[in-house]
Amino acid sequence: GVLLPNGTFLYDDSGEVAIGSPDFITDLYVTGDMLVDGNVNCAGGSCASDMRVKRDVEHILPEHGLARLLNLEPISYRFKGYFEKAKGIVKDTIYHGFAAQRL
């Protein structure tokens, strides 16, 4: 494999890749922030919001759905500099929406 100057491996002999960590947990493991300029396609994990990958889907009664919606936490935010630069976003623009980690 290839050893980086910080003591972590870029990849090992099995072909697994670890960036920022000496641990090979899965085929690709990244510790720290990551910016992807392009598409990320996946069929599982946190990318599984598409109805095409779901089964046994049942609708929630409106009265239960409304209670869940009322518990959402809308936020206002600005993007961090590296993201603004990568996506060509006007600096310090204020957006409104939700944080995926809080849904």
N, C-alpha and C. Protein backbone atom coordinates (compact mmCIF):
# COMPACT_ATOMS: atom_id res chain seq x y z
N GLY A 1 0.81 -1.19 0.00
CA GLY A 1 0.00 0.00 0.00
C GLY A 1 0.86 1.26 0.00
N VAL A 2 0.20 2.40 0.02
CA VAL A 2 0.88 3.69 0.03
C VAL A 2 0.66 4.34 1.39
N LEU A 3 1.74 4.74 2.06
CA LEU A 3 1.70 5.40 3.34
C LEU A 3 1.87 6.89 3.14
N LEU A 4 0.94 7.69 3.68
CA LEU A 4 1.02 9.15 3.57
C LEU A 4 1.96 9.71 4.64
N PRO A 5 2.47 10.93 4.46
CA PRO A 5 3.38 11.53 5.44
C PRO A 5 2.80 11.62 6.85
N ASN A 6 1.47 11.72 6.99
CA ASN A 6 0.87 11.83 8.32
C ASN A 6 0.70 10.48 9.01
N GLY A 7 1.19 9.41 8.40
CA GLY A 7 1.15 8.09 9.01
C GLY A 7 -0.08 7.28 8.70
N THR A 8 -0.97 7.79 7.86
CA THR A 8 -2.16 7.02 7.49
C THR A 8 -1.97 6.47 6.09
N PHE A 9 -2.68 5.41 5.81
CA PHE A 9 -2.58 4.77 4.51
C PHE A 9 -3.52 5.41 3.51
N LEU A 10 -3.10 5.51 2.29
CA LEU A 10 -3.98 5.92 1.20
C LEU A 10 -4.76 4.70 0.71
N TYR A 11 -4.08 3.59 0.56
CA TYR A 11 -4.76 2.33 0.26
C TYR A 11 -3.90 1.18 0.73
N ASP A 12 -4.52 0.03 0.94
CA ASP A 12 -3.75 -1.14 1.37
C ASP A 12 -3.76 -2.17 0.25
N ASP A 13 -3.16 -3.30 0.51
CA ASP A 13 -3.01 -4.33 -0.53
C ASP A 13 -4.33 -4.93 -0.98
N SER A 14 -5.40 -4.78 -0.17
CA SER A 14 -6.70 -5.32 -0.57
C SER A 14 -7.43 -4.39 -1.53
N GLY A 15 -6.89 -3.17 -1.72
CA GLY A 15 -7.53 -2.21 -2.60
C GLY A 15 -8.45 -1.25 -1.88
N GLU A 16 -8.62 -1.40 -0.55
CA GLU A 16 -9.45 -0.47 0.21
C GLU A 16 -8.72 0.86 0.35
N VAL A 17 -9.48 1.94 0.46
CA VAL A 17 -8.92 3.29 0.54
C VAL A 17 -9.33 3.91 1.87
N ALA A 18 -8.35 4.49 2.59
CA ALA A 18 -8.62 5.23 3.82
C ALA A 18 -7.91 6.57 3.71
N ILE A 19 -8.64 7.65 3.92
CA ILE A 19 -8.05 8.99 3.84
C ILE A 19 -8.23 9.64 5.20
N GLY A 20 -7.14 10.05 5.82
CA GLY A 20 -7.20 10.70 7.12
C GLY A 20 -7.35 9.75 8.28
N SER A 21 -7.25 8.47 8.04
CA SER A 21 -7.40 7.47 9.09
C SER A 21 -6.57 6.25 8.74
N PRO A 22 -6.01 5.59 9.75
CA PRO A 22 -5.29 4.34 9.48
C PRO A 22 -6.22 3.14 9.39
N ASP A 23 -7.51 3.35 9.61
CA ASP A 23 -8.47 2.25 9.65
C ASP A 23 -9.14 2.04 8.30
N PHE A 24 -9.21 0.79 7.89
CA PHE A 24 -9.91 0.43 6.66
C PHE A 24 -11.23 -0.21 7.07
N ILE A 25 -12.26 0.60 7.16
CA ILE A 25 -13.56 0.14 7.66
C ILE A 25 -14.42 -0.39 6.52
N THR A 26 -14.27 0.19 5.35
CA THR A 26 -15.06 -0.19 4.19
C THR A 26 -14.21 0.09 2.95
N ASP A 27 -14.75 -0.07 1.76
CA ASP A 27 -13.97 0.14 0.55
C ASP A 27 -13.39 1.55 0.47
N LEU A 28 -14.15 2.55 0.93
CA LEU A 28 -13.66 3.92 0.98
C LEU A 28 -14.07 4.50 2.32
N TYR A 29 -13.08 4.95 3.09
CA TYR A 29 -13.34 5.54 4.40
C TYR A 29 -12.62 6.86 4.49
N VAL A 30 -13.35 7.95 4.77
CA VAL A 30 -12.77 9.28 4.85
C VAL A 30 -13.03 9.83 6.24
N THR A 31 -11.98 10.30 6.91
CA THR A 31 -12.12 10.98 8.19
C THR A 31 -11.89 12.46 7.94
N GLY A 32 -12.84 13.30 8.32
CA GLY A 32 -12.72 14.74 8.10
C GLY A 32 -13.70 15.21 7.05
N ASP A 33 -13.59 16.47 6.70
CA ASP A 33 -14.49 17.08 5.72
C ASP A 33 -14.16 16.60 4.32
N MET A 34 -15.18 16.57 3.49
CA MET A 34 -14.97 16.16 2.11
C MET A 34 -15.87 17.03 1.22
N LEU A 35 -15.35 17.48 0.13
CA LEU A 35 -16.11 18.24 -0.85
C LEU A 35 -16.03 17.49 -2.17
N VAL A 36 -17.17 17.16 -2.73
CA VAL A 36 -17.24 16.48 -4.01
C VAL A 36 -17.80 17.46 -5.02
N ASP A 37 -17.05 17.73 -6.06
CA ASP A 37 -17.52 18.62 -7.11
C ASP A 37 -17.99 17.73 -8.26
N GLY A 38 -19.22 17.31 -8.16
CA GLY A 38 -19.79 16.39 -9.14
C GLY A 38 -20.88 15.57 -8.46
N ASN A 39 -21.30 14.51 -9.08
CA ASN A 39 -22.37 13.67 -8.55
C ASN A 39 -21.83 12.56 -7.68
N VAL A 40 -22.57 12.24 -6.63
CA VAL A 40 -22.29 11.08 -5.79
C VAL A 40 -23.51 10.18 -5.92
N ASN A 41 -23.30 8.99 -6.42
CA ASN A 41 -24.39 8.05 -6.60
C ASN A 41 -24.22 6.90 -5.64
N CYS A 42 -25.32 6.51 -5.00
CA CYS A 42 -25.26 5.38 -4.09
C CYS A 42 -26.62 4.70 -4.05
N ALA A 43 -26.63 3.50 -3.51
CA ALA A 43 -27.87 2.74 -3.44
C ALA A 43 -28.20 2.34 -2.01
N GLY A 44 -27.56 2.95 -1.04
CA GLY A 44 -27.84 2.59 0.34
C GLY A 44 -27.35 3.66 1.28
N GLY A 45 -27.42 3.37 2.56
CA GLY A 45 -26.94 4.31 3.56
C GLY A 45 -27.75 5.58 3.57
N SER A 46 -27.08 6.71 3.71
CA SER A 46 -27.78 7.97 3.84
C SER A 46 -28.28 8.50 2.50
N CYS A 47 -28.07 7.76 1.41
CA CYS A 47 -28.54 8.19 0.09
C CYS A 47 -29.81 7.45 -0.31
N ALA A 48 -30.52 6.94 0.64
CA ALA A 48 -31.64 6.06 0.32
C ALA A 48 -33.00 6.73 0.44
N SER A 49 -33.12 8.00 0.03
CA SER A 49 -34.41 8.66 0.14
C SER A 49 -35.29 8.43 -1.08
N ASP A 50 -34.77 7.85 -2.12
CA ASP A 50 -35.50 7.61 -3.36
C ASP A 50 -36.53 6.49 -3.18
N MET A 51 -37.77 6.75 -3.60
CA MET A 51 -38.83 5.75 -3.49
C MET A 51 -38.50 4.46 -4.24
N ARG A 52 -37.64 4.53 -5.25
CA ARG A 52 -37.33 3.35 -6.03
C ARG A 52 -36.55 2.30 -5.24
N VAL A 53 -36.00 2.66 -4.08
CA VAL A 53 -35.24 1.70 -3.29
C VAL A 53 -35.97 1.31 -2.01
N LYS A 54 -37.23 1.67 -1.90
CA LYS A 54 -38.01 1.37 -0.70
C LYS A 54 -39.05 0.28 -0.99
N ARG A 55 -39.43 -0.44 0.06
CA ARG A 55 -40.52 -1.41 -0.05
C ARG A 55 -41.37 -1.31 1.20
N ASP A 56 -42.52 -1.89 1.19
CA ASP A 56 -43.47 -1.85 2.31
C ASP A 56 -43.77 -0.41 2.74
N VAL A 57 -43.94 0.48 1.77
CA VAL A 57 -44.22 1.89 2.04
C VAL A 57 -45.67 2.04 2.47
N GLU A 58 -45.89 2.71 3.57
CA GLU A 58 -47.24 2.99 4.06
C GLU A 58 -47.37 4.47 4.33
N HIS A 59 -48.50 5.04 3.96
CA HIS A 59 -48.73 6.46 4.19
C HIS A 59 -49.03 6.70 5.67
N ILE A 60 -48.60 7.82 6.17
CA ILE A 60 -48.84 8.21 7.56
C ILE A 60 -50.13 9.02 7.59
N LEU A 61 -50.95 8.78 8.59
CA LEU A 61 -52.20 9.54 8.72
C LEU A 61 -51.88 11.02 8.82
N PRO A 62 -52.71 11.88 8.20
CA PRO A 62 -52.42 13.33 8.20
C PRO A 62 -52.17 13.91 9.59
N GLU A 63 -52.95 13.48 10.58
CA GLU A 63 -52.78 14.04 11.92
C GLU A 63 -51.43 13.66 12.53
N HIS A 64 -50.90 12.51 12.17
CA HIS A 64 -49.56 12.12 12.66
C HIS A 64 -48.47 12.81 11.85
N GLY A 65 -48.71 12.96 10.56
CA GLY A 65 -47.74 13.63 9.70
C GLY A 65 -47.56 15.09 10.08
N LEU A 66 -48.67 15.77 10.41
CA LEU A 66 -48.60 17.17 10.80
C LEU A 66 -47.76 17.34 12.07
N ALA A 67 -47.92 16.45 13.03
CA ALA A 67 -47.14 16.52 14.26
C ALA A 67 -45.65 16.38 13.97
N ARG A 68 -45.31 15.51 13.05
CA ARG A 68 -43.89 15.34 12.68
C ARG A 68 -43.35 16.58 11.98
N LEU A 69 -44.15 17.17 11.10
CA LEU A 69 -43.72 18.39 10.41
C LEU A 69 -43.51 19.54 11.38
N LEU A 70 -44.36 19.64 12.37
CA LEU A 70 -44.24 20.73 13.34
C LEU A 70 -42.99 20.60 14.21
N ASN A 71 -42.41 19.40 14.26
CA ASN A 71 -41.18 19.18 15.03
C ASN A 71 -39.92 19.47 14.23
N LEU A 72 -40.06 19.77 12.93
CA LEU A 72 -38.87 20.11 12.13
C LEU A 72 -38.29 21.43 12.60
N GLU A 73 -36.98 21.58 12.44
CA GLU A 73 -36.29 22.79 12.89
C GLU A 73 -35.75 23.56 11.68
N PRO A 74 -36.53 24.48 11.12
CA PRO A 74 -36.00 25.27 10.00
C PRO A 74 -34.87 26.17 10.49
N ILE A 75 -33.90 26.40 9.60
CA ILE A 75 -32.74 27.23 9.95
C ILE A 75 -32.46 28.24 8.84
N SER A 76 -31.76 29.30 9.18
CA SER A 76 -31.17 30.17 8.17
C SER A 76 -29.66 29.95 8.29
N TYR A 77 -28.94 30.07 7.17
CA TYR A 77 -27.52 29.74 7.18
C TYR A 77 -26.80 30.38 6.01
N ARG A 78 -25.48 30.40 6.12
CA ARG A 78 -24.59 30.76 5.01
C ARG A 78 -23.69 29.57 4.78
N PHE A 79 -23.26 29.37 3.55
CA PHE A 79 -22.32 28.28 3.27
C PHE A 79 -20.92 28.68 3.67
N LYS A 80 -20.12 27.68 4.03
CA LYS A 80 -18.71 27.91 4.34
C LYS A 80 -17.97 28.28 3.06
N GLY A 81 -16.86 29.01 3.22
CA GLY A 81 -16.11 29.55 2.10
C GLY A 81 -15.72 28.55 1.03
N TYR A 82 -15.23 27.38 1.44
CA TYR A 82 -14.79 26.40 0.43
C TYR A 82 -15.96 25.91 -0.41
N PHE A 83 -17.15 25.83 0.17
CA PHE A 83 -18.32 25.38 -0.57
C PHE A 83 -18.80 26.48 -1.50
N GLU A 84 -18.79 27.73 -1.02
CA GLU A 84 -19.17 28.86 -1.87
C GLU A 84 -18.29 28.90 -3.11
N LYS A 85 -17.00 28.77 -2.90
CA LYS A 85 -16.05 28.84 -4.01
C LYS A 85 -16.26 27.70 -5.00
N ALA A 86 -16.44 26.49 -4.50
CA ALA A 86 -16.59 25.33 -5.38
C ALA A 86 -17.87 25.39 -6.20
N LYS A 87 -18.92 25.94 -5.64
CA LYS A 87 -20.22 25.96 -6.32
C LYS A 87 -20.56 27.31 -6.94
N GLY A 88 -19.65 28.29 -6.82
CA GLY A 88 -19.92 29.60 -7.41
C GLY A 88 -21.04 30.35 -6.72
N ILE A 89 -21.22 30.13 -5.43
CA ILE A 89 -22.27 30.78 -4.65
C ILE A 89 -21.80 32.17 -4.26
N VAL A 90 -22.70 33.15 -4.33
CA VAL A 90 -22.37 34.51 -3.93
C VAL A 90 -22.07 34.53 -2.44
N LYS A 91 -20.91 35.09 -2.09
CA LYS A 91 -20.45 35.10 -0.70
C LYS A 91 -21.48 35.74 0.22
N ASP A 92 -21.66 35.11 1.37
CA ASP A 92 -22.53 35.59 2.45
C ASP A 92 -24.01 35.64 2.11
N THR A 93 -24.44 34.92 1.08
CA THR A 93 -25.87 34.82 0.79
C THR A 93 -26.53 34.03 1.91
N ILE A 94 -27.66 34.50 2.40
CA ILE A 94 -28.40 33.79 3.45
C ILE A 94 -29.43 32.88 2.81
N TYR A 95 -29.44 31.61 3.22
CA TYR A 95 -30.38 30.60 2.74
C TYR A 95 -31.27 30.16 3.88
N HIS A 96 -32.39 29.56 3.53
CA HIS A 96 -33.33 29.01 4.52
C HIS A 96 -33.60 27.56 4.14
N GLY A 97 -33.65 26.70 5.13
CA GLY A 97 -33.92 25.30 4.85
C GLY A 97 -33.76 24.45 6.09
N PHE A 98 -33.23 23.25 5.90
CA PHE A 98 -33.08 22.29 6.99
C PHE A 98 -31.68 21.67 6.93
N ALA A 99 -31.17 21.25 8.06
CA ALA A 99 -29.92 20.50 8.12
C ALA A 99 -30.26 19.02 8.05
N ALA A 100 -29.68 18.30 7.12
CA ALA A 100 -29.98 16.88 6.93
C ALA A 100 -29.79 16.08 8.22
N GLN A 101 -28.79 16.45 9.02
CA GLN A 101 -28.52 15.71 10.25
C GLN A 101 -29.64 15.85 11.27
N ARG A 102 -30.51 16.83 11.10
CA ARG A 102 -31.58 17.06 12.08
C ARG A 102 -32.94 16.61 11.58
N LEU A 103 -33.00 15.97 10.42
CA LEU A 103 -34.30 15.51 9.91
C LEU A 103 -34.61 14.12 10.43
